[in-house]
PDBML (XML) file of the C-alpha atoms, coordinates in Angstrom:
<?xml version="1.0" encoding="UTF-8" ?>
<PDBx:datablock datablockName="MODEL"
   xmlns:PDBx="http://pdbml.pdb.org/schema/pdbx-v50.xsd"
   xmlns:xsi="http://www.w3.org/2001/XMLSchema-instance"
   xsi:schemaLocation="http://pdbml.pdb.org/schema/pdbx-v50.xsd pdbx-v50.xsd">
   <PDBx:atom_siteCategory>
      <PDBx:atom_site id="1">
         <PDBx:B_iso_or_equiv>0.00</PDBx:B_iso_or_equiv>
         <PDBx:Cartn_x>0.246</PDBx:Cartn_x>
         <PDBx:Cartn_y>0.252</PDBx:Cartn_y>
         <PDBx:Cartn_z>-0.055</PDBx:Cartn_z>
         <PDBx:auth_asym_id>A</PDBx:auth_asym_id>
         <PDBx:auth_atom_id>CA</PDBx:auth_atom_id>
         <PDBx:auth_comp_id>GLY</PDBx:auth_comp_id>
         <PDBx:auth_seq_id>1</PDBx:auth_seq_id>
         <PDBx:group_PDB>ATOM</PDBx:group_PDB>
         <PDBx:label_alt_id xsi:nil="true" />
         <PDBx:label_asym_id>A</PDBx:label_asym_id>
         <PDBx:label_atom_id>CA</PDBx:label_atom_id>
         <PDBx:label_comp_id>GLY</PDBx:label_comp_id>
         <PDBx:label_entity_id>1</PDBx:label_entity_id>
         <PDBx:label_seq_id>1</PDBx:label_seq_id>
         <PDBx:occupancy>1.00</PDBx:occupancy>
         <PDBx:pdbx_PDB_model_num>1</PDBx:pdbx_PDB_model_num>
         <PDBx:type_symbol>C</PDBx:type_symbol>
      </PDBx:atom_site>
      <PDBx:atom_site id="2">
         <PDBx:B_iso_or_equiv>0.00</PDBx:B_iso_or_equiv>
         <PDBx:Cartn_x>3.035</PDBx:Cartn_x>
         <PDBx:Cartn_y>2.259</PDBx:Cartn_y>
         <PDBx:Cartn_z>-0.726</PDBx:Cartn_z>
         <PDBx:auth_asym_id>A</PDBx:auth_asym_id>
         <PDBx:auth_atom_id>CA</PDBx:auth_atom_id>
         <PDBx:auth_comp_id>LEU</PDBx:auth_comp_id>
         <PDBx:auth_seq_id>2</PDBx:auth_seq_id>
         <PDBx:group_PDB>ATOM</PDBx:group_PDB>
         <PDBx:label_alt_id xsi:nil="true" />
         <PDBx:label_asym_id>A</PDBx:label_asym_id>
         <PDBx:label_atom_id>CA</PDBx:label_atom_id>
         <PDBx:label_comp_id>LEU</PDBx:label_comp_id>
         <PDBx:label_entity_id>1</PDBx:label_entity_id>
         <PDBx:label_seq_id>2</PDBx:label_seq_id>
         <PDBx:occupancy>1.00</PDBx:occupancy>
         <PDBx:pdbx_PDB_model_num>1</PDBx:pdbx_PDB_model_num>
         <PDBx:type_symbol>C</PDBx:type_symbol>
      </PDBx:atom_site>
      <PDBx:atom_site id="3">
         <PDBx:B_iso_or_equiv>0.00</PDBx:B_iso_or_equiv>
         <PDBx:Cartn_x>4.306</PDBx:Cartn_x>
         <PDBx:Cartn_y>4.313</PDBx:Cartn_y>
         <PDBx:Cartn_z>-3.583</PDBx:Cartn_z>
         <PDBx:auth_asym_id>A</PDBx:auth_asym_id>
         <PDBx:auth_atom_id>CA</PDBx:auth_atom_id>
         <PDBx:auth_comp_id>GLN</PDBx:auth_comp_id>
         <PDBx:auth_seq_id>3</PDBx:auth_seq_id>
         <PDBx:group_PDB>ATOM</PDBx:group_PDB>
         <PDBx:label_alt_id xsi:nil="true" />
         <PDBx:label_asym_id>A</PDBx:label_asym_id>
         <PDBx:label_atom_id>CA</PDBx:label_atom_id>
         <PDBx:label_comp_id>GLN</PDBx:label_comp_id>
         <PDBx:label_entity_id>1</PDBx:label_entity_id>
         <PDBx:label_seq_id>3</PDBx:label_seq_id>
         <PDBx:occupancy>1.00</PDBx:occupancy>
         <PDBx:pdbx_PDB_model_num>1</PDBx:pdbx_PDB_model_num>
         <PDBx:type_symbol>C</PDBx:type_symbol>
      </PDBx:atom_site>
      <PDBx:atom_site id="4">
         <PDBx:B_iso_or_equiv>0.00</PDBx:B_iso_or_equiv>
         <PDBx:Cartn_x>7.589</PDBx:Cartn_x>
         <PDBx:Cartn_y>2.830</PDBx:Cartn_y>
         <PDBx:Cartn_z>-5.057</PDBx:Cartn_z>
         <PDBx:auth_asym_id>A</PDBx:auth_asym_id>
         <PDBx:auth_atom_id>CA</PDBx:auth_atom_id>
         <PDBx:auth_comp_id>ALA</PDBx:auth_comp_id>
         <PDBx:auth_seq_id>4</PDBx:auth_seq_id>
         <PDBx:group_PDB>ATOM</PDBx:group_PDB>
         <PDBx:label_alt_id xsi:nil="true" />
         <PDBx:label_asym_id>A</PDBx:label_asym_id>
         <PDBx:label_atom_id>CA</PDBx:label_atom_id>
         <PDBx:label_comp_id>ALA</PDBx:label_comp_id>
         <PDBx:label_entity_id>1</PDBx:label_entity_id>
         <PDBx:label_seq_id>4</PDBx:label_seq_id>
         <PDBx:occupancy>1.00</PDBx:occupancy>
         <PDBx:pdbx_PDB_model_num>1</PDBx:pdbx_PDB_model_num>
         <PDBx:type_symbol>C</PDBx:type_symbol>
      </PDBx:atom_site>
      <PDBx:atom_site id="5">
         <PDBx:B_iso_or_equiv>0.00</PDBx:B_iso_or_equiv>
         <PDBx:Cartn_x>9.764</PDBx:Cartn_x>
         <PDBx:Cartn_y>5.664</PDBx:Cartn_y>
         <PDBx:Cartn_z>-3.548</PDBx:Cartn_z>
         <PDBx:auth_asym_id>A</PDBx:auth_asym_id>
         <PDBx:auth_atom_id>CA</PDBx:auth_atom_id>
         <PDBx:auth_comp_id>GLN</PDBx:auth_comp_id>
         <PDBx:auth_seq_id>5</PDBx:auth_seq_id>
         <PDBx:group_PDB>ATOM</PDBx:group_PDB>
         <PDBx:label_alt_id xsi:nil="true" />
         <PDBx:label_asym_id>A</PDBx:label_asym_id>
         <PDBx:label_atom_id>CA</PDBx:label_atom_id>
         <PDBx:label_comp_id>GLN</PDBx:label_comp_id>
         <PDBx:label_entity_id>1</PDBx:label_entity_id>
         <PDBx:label_seq_id>5</PDBx:label_seq_id>
         <PDBx:occupancy>1.00</PDBx:occupancy>
         <PDBx:pdbx_PDB_model_num>1</PDBx:pdbx_PDB_model_num>
         <PDBx:type_symbol>C</PDBx:type_symbol>
      </PDBx:atom_site>
      <PDBx:atom_site id="6">
         <PDBx:B_iso_or_equiv>0.00</PDBx:B_iso_or_equiv>
         <PDBx:Cartn_x>8.251</PDBx:Cartn_x>
         <PDBx:Cartn_y>5.015</PDBx:Cartn_y>
         <PDBx:Cartn_z>-0.480</PDBx:Cartn_z>
         <PDBx:auth_asym_id>A</PDBx:auth_asym_id>
         <PDBx:auth_atom_id>CA</PDBx:auth_atom_id>
         <PDBx:auth_comp_id>GLY</PDBx:auth_comp_id>
         <PDBx:auth_seq_id>6</PDBx:auth_seq_id>
         <PDBx:group_PDB>ATOM</PDBx:group_PDB>
         <PDBx:label_alt_id xsi:nil="true" />
         <PDBx:label_asym_id>A</PDBx:label_asym_id>
         <PDBx:label_atom_id>CA</PDBx:label_atom_id>
         <PDBx:label_comp_id>GLY</PDBx:label_comp_id>
         <PDBx:label_entity_id>1</PDBx:label_entity_id>
         <PDBx:label_seq_id>6</PDBx:label_seq_id>
         <PDBx:occupancy>1.00</PDBx:occupancy>
         <PDBx:pdbx_PDB_model_num>1</PDBx:pdbx_PDB_model_num>
         <PDBx:type_symbol>C</PDBx:type_symbol>
      </PDBx:atom_site>
      <PDBx:atom_site id="7">
         <PDBx:B_iso_or_equiv>0.00</PDBx:B_iso_or_equiv>
         <PDBx:Cartn_x>9.713</PDBx:Cartn_x>
         <PDBx:Cartn_y>1.320</PDBx:Cartn_y>
         <PDBx:Cartn_z>0.107</PDBx:Cartn_z>
         <PDBx:auth_asym_id>A</PDBx:auth_asym_id>
         <PDBx:auth_atom_id>CA</PDBx:auth_atom_id>
         <PDBx:auth_comp_id>LEU</PDBx:auth_comp_id>
         <PDBx:auth_seq_id>7</PDBx:auth_seq_id>
         <PDBx:group_PDB>ATOM</PDBx:group_PDB>
         <PDBx:label_alt_id xsi:nil="true" />
         <PDBx:label_asym_id>A</PDBx:label_asym_id>
         <PDBx:label_atom_id>CA</PDBx:label_atom_id>
         <PDBx:label_comp_id>LEU</PDBx:label_comp_id>
         <PDBx:label_entity_id>1</PDBx:label_entity_id>
         <PDBx:label_seq_id>7</PDBx:label_seq_id>
         <PDBx:occupancy>1.00</PDBx:occupancy>
         <PDBx:pdbx_PDB_model_num>1</PDBx:pdbx_PDB_model_num>
         <PDBx:type_symbol>C</PDBx:type_symbol>
      </PDBx:atom_site>
      <PDBx:atom_site id="8">
         <PDBx:B_iso_or_equiv>0.00</PDBx:B_iso_or_equiv>
         <PDBx:Cartn_x>13.554</PDBx:Cartn_x>
         <PDBx:Cartn_y>2.128</PDBx:Cartn_y>
         <PDBx:Cartn_z>0.569</PDBx:Cartn_z>
         <PDBx:auth_asym_id>A</PDBx:auth_asym_id>
         <PDBx:auth_atom_id>CA</PDBx:auth_atom_id>
         <PDBx:auth_comp_id>ALA</PDBx:auth_comp_id>
         <PDBx:auth_seq_id>8</PDBx:auth_seq_id>
         <PDBx:group_PDB>ATOM</PDBx:group_PDB>
         <PDBx:label_alt_id xsi:nil="true" />
         <PDBx:label_asym_id>A</PDBx:label_asym_id>
         <PDBx:label_atom_id>CA</PDBx:label_atom_id>
         <PDBx:label_comp_id>ALA</PDBx:label_comp_id>
         <PDBx:label_entity_id>1</PDBx:label_entity_id>
         <PDBx:label_seq_id>8</PDBx:label_seq_id>
         <PDBx:occupancy>1.00</PDBx:occupancy>
         <PDBx:pdbx_PDB_model_num>1</PDBx:pdbx_PDB_model_num>
         <PDBx:type_symbol>C</PDBx:type_symbol>
      </PDBx:atom_site>
      <PDBx:atom_site id="9">
         <PDBx:B_iso_or_equiv>0.00</PDBx:B_iso_or_equiv>
         <PDBx:Cartn_x>12.664</PDBx:Cartn_x>
         <PDBx:Cartn_y>4.026</PDBx:Cartn_y>
         <PDBx:Cartn_z>4.138</PDBx:Cartn_z>
         <PDBx:auth_asym_id>A</PDBx:auth_asym_id>
         <PDBx:auth_atom_id>CA</PDBx:auth_atom_id>
         <PDBx:auth_comp_id>PRO</PDBx:auth_comp_id>
         <PDBx:auth_seq_id>9</PDBx:auth_seq_id>
         <PDBx:group_PDB>ATOM</PDBx:group_PDB>
         <PDBx:label_alt_id xsi:nil="true" />
         <PDBx:label_asym_id>A</PDBx:label_asym_id>
         <PDBx:label_atom_id>CA</PDBx:label_atom_id>
         <PDBx:label_comp_id>PRO</PDBx:label_comp_id>
         <PDBx:label_entity_id>1</PDBx:label_entity_id>
         <PDBx:label_seq_id>9</PDBx:label_seq_id>
         <PDBx:occupancy>1.00</PDBx:occupancy>
         <PDBx:pdbx_PDB_model_num>1</PDBx:pdbx_PDB_model_num>
         <PDBx:type_symbol>C</PDBx:type_symbol>
      </PDBx:atom_site>
      <PDBx:atom_site id="10">
         <PDBx:B_iso_or_equiv>0.00</PDBx:B_iso_or_equiv>
         <PDBx:Cartn_x>10.558</PDBx:Cartn_x>
         <PDBx:Cartn_y>1.187</PDBx:Cartn_y>
         <PDBx:Cartn_z>4.929</PDBx:Cartn_z>
         <PDBx:auth_asym_id>A</PDBx:auth_asym_id>
         <PDBx:auth_atom_id>CA</PDBx:auth_atom_id>
         <PDBx:auth_comp_id>VAL</PDBx:auth_comp_id>
         <PDBx:auth_seq_id>10</PDBx:auth_seq_id>
         <PDBx:group_PDB>ATOM</PDBx:group_PDB>
         <PDBx:label_alt_id xsi:nil="true" />
         <PDBx:label_asym_id>A</PDBx:label_asym_id>
         <PDBx:label_atom_id>CA</PDBx:label_atom_id>
         <PDBx:label_comp_id>VAL</PDBx:label_comp_id>
         <PDBx:label_entity_id>1</PDBx:label_entity_id>
         <PDBx:label_seq_id>10</PDBx:label_seq_id>
         <PDBx:occupancy>1.00</PDBx:occupancy>
         <PDBx:pdbx_PDB_model_num>1</PDBx:pdbx_PDB_model_num>
         <PDBx:type_symbol>C</PDBx:type_symbol>
      </PDBx:atom_site>
      <PDBx:atom_site id="11">
         <PDBx:B_iso_or_equiv>0.00</PDBx:B_iso_or_equiv>
         <PDBx:Cartn_x>13.201</PDBx:Cartn_x>
         <PDBx:Cartn_y>-1.400</PDBx:Cartn_y>
         <PDBx:Cartn_z>4.220</PDBx:Cartn_z>
         <PDBx:auth_asym_id>A</PDBx:auth_asym_id>
         <PDBx:auth_atom_id>CA</PDBx:auth_atom_id>
         <PDBx:auth_comp_id>LEU</PDBx:auth_comp_id>
         <PDBx:auth_seq_id>11</PDBx:auth_seq_id>
         <PDBx:group_PDB>ATOM</PDBx:group_PDB>
         <PDBx:label_alt_id xsi:nil="true" />
         <PDBx:label_asym_id>A</PDBx:label_asym_id>
         <PDBx:label_atom_id>CA</PDBx:label_atom_id>
         <PDBx:label_comp_id>LEU</PDBx:label_comp_id>
         <PDBx:label_entity_id>1</PDBx:label_entity_id>
         <PDBx:label_seq_id>11</PDBx:label_seq_id>
         <PDBx:occupancy>1.00</PDBx:occupancy>
         <PDBx:pdbx_PDB_model_num>1</PDBx:pdbx_PDB_model_num>
         <PDBx:type_symbol>C</PDBx:type_symbol>
      </PDBx:atom_site>
      <PDBx:atom_site id="12">
         <PDBx:B_iso_or_equiv>0.00</PDBx:B_iso_or_equiv>
         <PDBx:Cartn_x>16.143</PDBx:Cartn_x>
         <PDBx:Cartn_y>0.653</PDBx:Cartn_y>
         <PDBx:Cartn_z>6.032</PDBx:Cartn_z>
         <PDBx:auth_asym_id>A</PDBx:auth_asym_id>
         <PDBx:auth_atom_id>CA</PDBx:auth_atom_id>
         <PDBx:auth_comp_id>ASN</PDBx:auth_comp_id>
         <PDBx:auth_seq_id>12</PDBx:auth_seq_id>
         <PDBx:group_PDB>ATOM</PDBx:group_PDB>
         <PDBx:label_alt_id xsi:nil="true" />
         <PDBx:label_asym_id>A</PDBx:label_asym_id>
         <PDBx:label_atom_id>CA</PDBx:label_atom_id>
         <PDBx:label_comp_id>ASN</PDBx:label_comp_id>
         <PDBx:label_entity_id>1</PDBx:label_entity_id>
         <PDBx:label_seq_id>12</PDBx:label_seq_id>
         <PDBx:occupancy>1.00</PDBx:occupancy>
         <PDBx:pdbx_PDB_model_num>1</PDBx:pdbx_PDB_model_num>
         <PDBx:type_symbol>C</PDBx:type_symbol>
      </PDBx:atom_site>
      <PDBx:atom_site id="13">
         <PDBx:B_iso_or_equiv>0.00</PDBx:B_iso_or_equiv>
         <PDBx:Cartn_x>13.615</PDBx:Cartn_x>
         <PDBx:Cartn_y>0.219</PDBx:Cartn_y>
         <PDBx:Cartn_z>9.243</PDBx:Cartn_z>
         <PDBx:auth_asym_id>A</PDBx:auth_asym_id>
         <PDBx:auth_atom_id>CA</PDBx:auth_atom_id>
         <PDBx:auth_comp_id>VAL</PDBx:auth_comp_id>
         <PDBx:auth_seq_id>13</PDBx:auth_seq_id>
         <PDBx:group_PDB>ATOM</PDBx:group_PDB>
         <PDBx:label_alt_id xsi:nil="true" />
         <PDBx:label_asym_id>A</PDBx:label_asym_id>
         <PDBx:label_atom_id>CA</PDBx:label_atom_id>
         <PDBx:label_comp_id>VAL</PDBx:label_comp_id>
         <PDBx:label_entity_id>1</PDBx:label_entity_id>
         <PDBx:label_seq_id>13</PDBx:label_seq_id>
         <PDBx:occupancy>1.00</PDBx:occupancy>
         <PDBx:pdbx_PDB_model_num>1</PDBx:pdbx_PDB_model_num>
         <PDBx:type_symbol>C</PDBx:type_symbol>
      </PDBx:atom_site>
      <PDBx:atom_site id="14">
         <PDBx:B_iso_or_equiv>0.00</PDBx:B_iso_or_equiv>
         <PDBx:Cartn_x>13.684</PDBx:Cartn_x>
         <PDBx:Cartn_y>-3.265</PDBx:Cartn_y>
         <PDBx:Cartn_z>8.649</PDBx:Cartn_z>
         <PDBx:auth_asym_id>A</PDBx:auth_asym_id>
         <PDBx:auth_atom_id>CA</PDBx:auth_atom_id>
         <PDBx:auth_comp_id>LEU</PDBx:auth_comp_id>
         <PDBx:auth_seq_id>14</PDBx:auth_seq_id>
         <PDBx:group_PDB>ATOM</PDBx:group_PDB>
         <PDBx:label_alt_id xsi:nil="true" />
         <PDBx:label_asym_id>A</PDBx:label_asym_id>
         <PDBx:label_atom_id>CA</PDBx:label_atom_id>
         <PDBx:label_comp_id>LEU</PDBx:label_comp_id>
         <PDBx:label_entity_id>1</PDBx:label_entity_id>
         <PDBx:label_seq_id>14</PDBx:label_seq_id>
         <PDBx:occupancy>1.00</PDBx:occupancy>
         <PDBx:pdbx_PDB_model_num>1</PDBx:pdbx_PDB_model_num>
         <PDBx:type_symbol>C</PDBx:type_symbol>
      </PDBx:atom_site>
      <PDBx:atom_site id="15">
         <PDBx:B_iso_or_equiv>0.00</PDBx:B_iso_or_equiv>
         <PDBx:Cartn_x>17.112</PDBx:Cartn_x>
         <PDBx:Cartn_y>-3.592</PDBx:Cartn_y>
         <PDBx:Cartn_z>8.560</PDBx:Cartn_z>
         <PDBx:auth_asym_id>A</PDBx:auth_asym_id>
         <PDBx:auth_atom_id>CA</PDBx:auth_atom_id>
         <PDBx:auth_comp_id>VAL</PDBx:auth_comp_id>
         <PDBx:auth_seq_id>15</PDBx:auth_seq_id>
         <PDBx:group_PDB>ATOM</PDBx:group_PDB>
         <PDBx:label_alt_id xsi:nil="true" />
         <PDBx:label_asym_id>A</PDBx:label_asym_id>
         <PDBx:label_atom_id>CA</PDBx:label_atom_id>
         <PDBx:label_comp_id>VAL</PDBx:label_comp_id>
         <PDBx:label_entity_id>1</PDBx:label_entity_id>
         <PDBx:label_seq_id>15</PDBx:label_seq_id>
         <PDBx:occupancy>1.00</PDBx:occupancy>
         <PDBx:pdbx_PDB_model_num>1</PDBx:pdbx_PDB_model_num>
         <PDBx:type_symbol>C</PDBx:type_symbol>
      </PDBx:atom_site>
      <PDBx:atom_site id="16">
         <PDBx:B_iso_or_equiv>0.00</PDBx:B_iso_or_equiv>
         <PDBx:Cartn_x>17.179</PDBx:Cartn_x>
         <PDBx:Cartn_y>-1.595</PDBx:Cartn_y>
         <PDBx:Cartn_z>11.805</PDBx:Cartn_z>
         <PDBx:auth_asym_id>A</PDBx:auth_asym_id>
         <PDBx:auth_atom_id>CA</PDBx:auth_atom_id>
         <PDBx:auth_comp_id>HIS</PDBx:auth_comp_id>
         <PDBx:auth_seq_id>16</PDBx:auth_seq_id>
         <PDBx:group_PDB>ATOM</PDBx:group_PDB>
         <PDBx:label_alt_id xsi:nil="true" />
         <PDBx:label_asym_id>A</PDBx:label_asym_id>
         <PDBx:label_atom_id>CA</PDBx:label_atom_id>
         <PDBx:label_comp_id>HIS</PDBx:label_comp_id>
         <PDBx:label_entity_id>1</PDBx:label_entity_id>
         <PDBx:label_seq_id>16</PDBx:label_seq_id>
         <PDBx:occupancy>1.00</PDBx:occupancy>
         <PDBx:pdbx_PDB_model_num>1</PDBx:pdbx_PDB_model_num>
         <PDBx:type_symbol>C</PDBx:type_symbol>
      </PDBx:atom_site>
      <PDBx:atom_site id="17">
         <PDBx:B_iso_or_equiv>0.00</PDBx:B_iso_or_equiv>
         <PDBx:Cartn_x>14.969</PDBx:Cartn_x>
         <PDBx:Cartn_y>-3.502</PDBx:Cartn_y>
         <PDBx:Cartn_z>13.452</PDBx:Cartn_z>
         <PDBx:auth_asym_id>A</PDBx:auth_asym_id>
         <PDBx:auth_atom_id>CA</PDBx:auth_atom_id>
         <PDBx:auth_comp_id>ALA</PDBx:auth_comp_id>
         <PDBx:auth_seq_id>17</PDBx:auth_seq_id>
         <PDBx:group_PDB>ATOM</PDBx:group_PDB>
         <PDBx:label_alt_id xsi:nil="true" />
         <PDBx:label_asym_id>A</PDBx:label_asym_id>
         <PDBx:label_atom_id>CA</PDBx:label_atom_id>
         <PDBx:label_comp_id>ALA</PDBx:label_comp_id>
         <PDBx:label_entity_id>1</PDBx:label_entity_id>
         <PDBx:label_seq_id>17</PDBx:label_seq_id>
         <PDBx:occupancy>1.00</PDBx:occupancy>
         <PDBx:pdbx_PDB_model_num>1</PDBx:pdbx_PDB_model_num>
         <PDBx:type_symbol>C</PDBx:type_symbol>
      </PDBx:atom_site>
      <PDBx:atom_site id="18">
         <PDBx:B_iso_or_equiv>0.00</PDBx:B_iso_or_equiv>
         <PDBx:Cartn_x>16.781</PDBx:Cartn_x>
         <PDBx:Cartn_y>-6.328</PDBx:Cartn_y>
         <PDBx:Cartn_z>12.284</PDBx:Cartn_z>
         <PDBx:auth_asym_id>A</PDBx:auth_asym_id>
         <PDBx:auth_atom_id>CA</PDBx:auth_atom_id>
         <PDBx:auth_comp_id>ARG</PDBx:auth_comp_id>
         <PDBx:auth_seq_id>18</PDBx:auth_seq_id>
         <PDBx:group_PDB>ATOM</PDBx:group_PDB>
         <PDBx:label_alt_id xsi:nil="true" />
         <PDBx:label_asym_id>A</PDBx:label_asym_id>
         <PDBx:label_atom_id>CA</PDBx:label_atom_id>
         <PDBx:label_comp_id>ARG</PDBx:label_comp_id>
         <PDBx:label_entity_id>1</PDBx:label_entity_id>
         <PDBx:label_seq_id>18</PDBx:label_seq_id>
         <PDBx:occupancy>1.00</PDBx:occupancy>
         <PDBx:pdbx_PDB_model_num>1</PDBx:pdbx_PDB_model_num>
         <PDBx:type_symbol>C</PDBx:type_symbol>
      </PDBx:atom_site>
      <PDBx:atom_site id="19">
         <PDBx:B_iso_or_equiv>0.00</PDBx:B_iso_or_equiv>
         <PDBx:Cartn_x>13.618</PDBx:Cartn_x>
         <PDBx:Cartn_y>-8.023</PDBx:Cartn_y>
         <PDBx:Cartn_z>10.678</PDBx:Cartn_z>
         <PDBx:auth_asym_id>A</PDBx:auth_asym_id>
         <PDBx:auth_atom_id>CA</PDBx:auth_atom_id>
         <PDBx:auth_comp_id>PHE</PDBx:auth_comp_id>
         <PDBx:auth_seq_id>19</PDBx:auth_seq_id>
         <PDBx:group_PDB>ATOM</PDBx:group_PDB>
         <PDBx:label_alt_id xsi:nil="true" />
         <PDBx:label_asym_id>A</PDBx:label_asym_id>
         <PDBx:label_atom_id>CA</PDBx:label_atom_id>
         <PDBx:label_comp_id>PHE</PDBx:label_comp_id>
         <PDBx:label_entity_id>1</PDBx:label_entity_id>
         <PDBx:label_seq_id>19</PDBx:label_seq_id>
         <PDBx:occupancy>1.00</PDBx:occupancy>
         <PDBx:pdbx_PDB_model_num>1</PDBx:pdbx_PDB_model_num>
         <PDBx:type_symbol>C</PDBx:type_symbol>
      </PDBx:atom_site>
      <PDBx:atom_site id="20">
         <PDBx:B_iso_or_equiv>0.00</PDBx:B_iso_or_equiv>
         <PDBx:Cartn_x>16.073</PDBx:Cartn_x>
         <PDBx:Cartn_y>-7.804</PDBx:Cartn_y>
         <PDBx:Cartn_z>7.181</PDBx:Cartn_z>
         <PDBx:auth_asym_id>A</PDBx:auth_asym_id>
         <PDBx:auth_atom_id>CA</PDBx:auth_atom_id>
         <PDBx:auth_comp_id>LEU</PDBx:auth_comp_id>
         <PDBx:auth_seq_id>20</PDBx:auth_seq_id>
         <PDBx:group_PDB>ATOM</PDBx:group_PDB>
         <PDBx:label_alt_id xsi:nil="true" />
         <PDBx:label_asym_id>A</PDBx:label_asym_id>
         <PDBx:label_atom_id>CA</PDBx:label_atom_id>
         <PDBx:label_comp_id>LEU</PDBx:label_comp_id>
         <PDBx:label_entity_id>1</PDBx:label_entity_id>
         <PDBx:label_seq_id>20</PDBx:label_seq_id>
         <PDBx:occupancy>1.00</PDBx:occupancy>
         <PDBx:pdbx_PDB_model_num>1</PDBx:pdbx_PDB_model_num>
         <PDBx:type_symbol>C</PDBx:type_symbol>
      </PDBx:atom_site>
      <PDBx:atom_site id="21">
         <PDBx:B_iso_or_equiv>0.00</PDBx:B_iso_or_equiv>
         <PDBx:Cartn_x>19.546</PDBx:Cartn_x>
         <PDBx:Cartn_y>-8.481</PDBx:Cartn_y>
         <PDBx:Cartn_z>7.161</PDBx:Cartn_z>
         <PDBx:auth_asym_id>A</PDBx:auth_asym_id>
         <PDBx:auth_atom_id>CA</PDBx:auth_atom_id>
         <PDBx:auth_comp_id>ARG</PDBx:auth_comp_id>
         <PDBx:auth_seq_id>21</PDBx:auth_seq_id>
         <PDBx:group_PDB>ATOM</PDBx:group_PDB>
         <PDBx:label_alt_id xsi:nil="true" />
         <PDBx:label_asym_id>A</PDBx:label_asym_id>
         <PDBx:label_atom_id>CA</PDBx:label_atom_id>
         <PDBx:label_comp_id>ARG</PDBx:label_comp_id>
         <PDBx:label_entity_id>1</PDBx:label_entity_id>
         <PDBx:label_seq_id>21</PDBx:label_seq_id>
         <PDBx:occupancy>1.00</PDBx:occupancy>
         <PDBx:pdbx_PDB_model_num>1</PDBx:pdbx_PDB_model_num>
         <PDBx:type_symbol>C</PDBx:type_symbol>
      </PDBx:atom_site>
      <PDBx:atom_site id="22">
         <PDBx:B_iso_or_equiv>0.00</PDBx:B_iso_or_equiv>
         <PDBx:Cartn_x>19.699</PDBx:Cartn_x>
         <PDBx:Cartn_y>-6.369</PDBx:Cartn_y>
         <PDBx:Cartn_z>4.084</PDBx:Cartn_z>
         <PDBx:auth_asym_id>A</PDBx:auth_asym_id>
         <PDBx:auth_atom_id>CA</PDBx:auth_atom_id>
         <PDBx:auth_comp_id>SER</PDBx:auth_comp_id>
         <PDBx:auth_seq_id>22</PDBx:auth_seq_id>
         <PDBx:group_PDB>ATOM</PDBx:group_PDB>
         <PDBx:label_alt_id xsi:nil="true" />
         <PDBx:label_asym_id>A</PDBx:label_asym_id>
         <PDBx:label_atom_id>CA</PDBx:label_atom_id>
         <PDBx:label_comp_id>SER</PDBx:label_comp_id>
         <PDBx:label_entity_id>1</PDBx:label_entity_id>
         <PDBx:label_seq_id>22</PDBx:label_seq_id>
         <PDBx:occupancy>1.00</PDBx:occupancy>
         <PDBx:pdbx_PDB_model_num>1</PDBx:pdbx_PDB_model_num>
         <PDBx:type_symbol>C</PDBx:type_symbol>
      </PDBx:atom_site>
      <PDBx:atom_site id="23">
         <PDBx:B_iso_or_equiv>0.00</PDBx:B_iso_or_equiv>
         <PDBx:Cartn_x>18.287</PDBx:Cartn_x>
         <PDBx:Cartn_y>-5.204</PDBx:Cartn_y>
         <PDBx:Cartn_z>0.938</PDBx:Cartn_z>
         <PDBx:auth_asym_id>A</PDBx:auth_asym_id>
         <PDBx:auth_atom_id>CA</PDBx:auth_atom_id>
         <PDBx:auth_comp_id>TRP</PDBx:auth_comp_id>
         <PDBx:auth_seq_id>23</PDBx:auth_seq_id>
         <PDBx:group_PDB>ATOM</PDBx:group_PDB>
         <PDBx:label_alt_id xsi:nil="true" />
         <PDBx:label_asym_id>A</PDBx:label_asym_id>
         <PDBx:label_atom_id>CA</PDBx:label_atom_id>
         <PDBx:label_comp_id>TRP</PDBx:label_comp_id>
         <PDBx:label_entity_id>1</PDBx:label_entity_id>
         <PDBx:label_seq_id>23</PDBx:label_seq_id>
         <PDBx:occupancy>1.00</PDBx:occupancy>
         <PDBx:pdbx_PDB_model_num>1</PDBx:pdbx_PDB_model_num>
         <PDBx:type_symbol>C</PDBx:type_symbol>
      </PDBx:atom_site>
      <PDBx:atom_site id="24">
         <PDBx:B_iso_or_equiv>0.00</PDBx:B_iso_or_equiv>
         <PDBx:Cartn_x>19.661</PDBx:Cartn_x>
         <PDBx:Cartn_y>-4.012</PDBx:Cartn_y>
         <PDBx:Cartn_z>-2.249</PDBx:Cartn_z>
         <PDBx:auth_asym_id>A</PDBx:auth_asym_id>
         <PDBx:auth_atom_id>CA</PDBx:auth_atom_id>
         <PDBx:auth_comp_id>ALA</PDBx:auth_comp_id>
         <PDBx:auth_seq_id>24</PDBx:auth_seq_id>
         <PDBx:group_PDB>ATOM</PDBx:group_PDB>
         <PDBx:label_alt_id xsi:nil="true" />
         <PDBx:label_asym_id>A</PDBx:label_asym_id>
         <PDBx:label_atom_id>CA</PDBx:label_atom_id>
         <PDBx:label_comp_id>ALA</PDBx:label_comp_id>
         <PDBx:label_entity_id>1</PDBx:label_entity_id>
         <PDBx:label_seq_id>24</PDBx:label_seq_id>
         <PDBx:occupancy>1.00</PDBx:occupancy>
         <PDBx:pdbx_PDB_model_num>1</PDBx:pdbx_PDB_model_num>
         <PDBx:type_symbol>C</PDBx:type_symbol>
      </PDBx:atom_site>
   </PDBx:atom_siteCategory>
</PDBx:datablock>
C-alpha cells in the first residue's frame, strides 16, 4: 500500500529493526 519511492525508507527501518539482514 505504498508508492514505489516509499519502499526504501520502510526497508531501512526493517534492517534497523533486524527483521531484514540487508536489501538492495
